[in-house]
């Protein structure tokens, strides 16, 4: 059951197969990952609690009047996709104290400050327990996570810059989430929440229309839009989370007779930015089932710095260990093994992450109110059940590629 609209997402090196990891490594990793997860969550919550939004390191520096290096450390700690690698990004005690004092002066809530202080104290205790001191701790992490930037990431970053110049538009973030739900009567519904953050025009005369309809189907193969086993639904803008004035929606009818929605963005200006979010609600879509696979496909149709996907499934439907993510050309979405074709997969070094069941784990500095938006929409629909949450973040996604996040065999 799927819906279409996954710095390097790197993995720290482990011991080679012919050199079994010592017990120290296993204990070190487990304890370190635990305290880093708590610390990252506390940092994300504090950034979200700031009186002003800080979607970039430079915004954090300006909001708190801290030096650029400390702002980069804190922002990277909150956003780096390899949790173990963030250990060396944690500021030393004096720098963290300056960050906390600046956050207090900026009027950040006492609760967020206290949570961060507690998490940092637990981190320091763990450093002493597993390594003795911070220098040794950083040295162990250097061995586990050597500094080597992905060649693919460098290529994608260069491609983003070139495409943004050619197309005349760019976005800081493209966000896609899909939530599946089973009614007590057995029908299956699907809610999509999608948007663009920091979309801006770089050239006079450049125009863009964002495809805002959704496609939802049951099963593991991707049927044509016009098939009876796929639902195509329009969009509803979410004004509370979008820039004013709201962009207009254009509805066009395709050759198959189905209507599709496009968000029209105009007159952005060279320095102006637009953030727009909308929802797609598909009721009783064909083929809906709690049986895996479940997934989301998100195309990259505008040059974007980040593409974020969240797949949200009722708790217990899937085994989190079966998560997979891959990238294909957007044009190959109909090329499935079922139709006798094998989709071409683009090189990709990223992975998906299981975030647990708390909607608070949806927090992201790419869109500080994103978790609030998802929670609000679920409340409006009265979908008050526990969900499992899966996430993939791709930095500098390839233009006209599609990221596929799936749980369960496909």
Foldseek 3Di string as FASTA:
>chain_A
DEKEQALALAEWADDDPVDDDDPLVVVLVVLLLVLLVLLLLLLLVQQLQFPDADLDLVSLCVLLVDDSLLSVLSQCSNDRNHSLLNLVSDDDPVSVVSSLVSSVVRPGDPVSSVSNVVSVVSNQVSCCVSQNHSVRSVVVSCNRHPDDRDPVLVVLVVLLVVQCVVLQKEFAEWEKEKEWDADPVGFIKMKIKIKTHFIAGADPPRWDWAFAWMKDFADDADDDPLDPGIDIFEKAWDVVQWDPPAFDWDWDADPSRDITIIGTDDDQDNPRTIITMIMTMGTRHHNDDLADKYKYKYAAAHFYQKYKYKYKYFPPSFDVVQKFKFKFQLVCRNQDVVVVGHTDTDDGNHTKDWQAFDLSSVADSNRRCVSVVVVVVCVVVVVPGTITMMMRMDGSDDHRMMMMIITDDD
